[in-house]
Amino acid sequence: MPRLFSSSSVLGTVLSLSAVACGDGPTADTPTITPQALQIVSGDKQTAISGGAVAAPLRVRVIGSDTRPMHNATVKWSVAEGLATLTPVESTTDASGETETQATIKSVTGLVRVNATVKELDPITFSLTAGHVRRSHLARRPGHGCAGATRLRPSRRTIPRFLPVHAGRTAGCSHVGPISGL
């Protein structure tokens, strides 16, 4: 018995075949773009205290084999040296080819190295420094009390002296309120 086809089903089949033939689907002529380069955008050479996050996220850009920023590339983040946590440990690039992770330092002092890796490329490394606040680094400014501006510097000591803060005062400071003449 002969099969009957409606004109609408034949037209639908012809249109779908023509769409594939006209390049709406993947073809052998479409070049595959692969990661070509990985670049640090920002976040390198920062200092943070143990237990604290670095001020700026670690940010990279992936460049594709077409020399343009690569969208949807997966970047894996890992700690190569020192102690830190990374959030997230894997991220995907946006339309500008960039992605980032936030690092929280766990090392007491010293160097922390974080690698960013994209398949088929060598990793790039961010260098961070774990530091702590020492009494000599508390800046006392007129009108700002004992806990004025704080600068972080890495310590060469193996056992750091941390300064706890209690009710608006810094340990070792008996003064509460503005200090004048310093």
Foldseek 3Di string as FASTA:
>chain_A
DDDDDDPVVVVVVVVVVVCVVVPVDDDPPDDDKDFDDKAWDDDAAFEDAAQAKTPDWGKMFTAIPVRATDFFFKKAKDKPDADWDKPPRIDTAHPRRMDTIIIHHHGRWDWIWMWIDTPPDDTDIGIYTHWAFDQVQQDADFFAFRRPDGDTDTDPDPDDDHWDDDPQRTPPDPDDTGDPDD
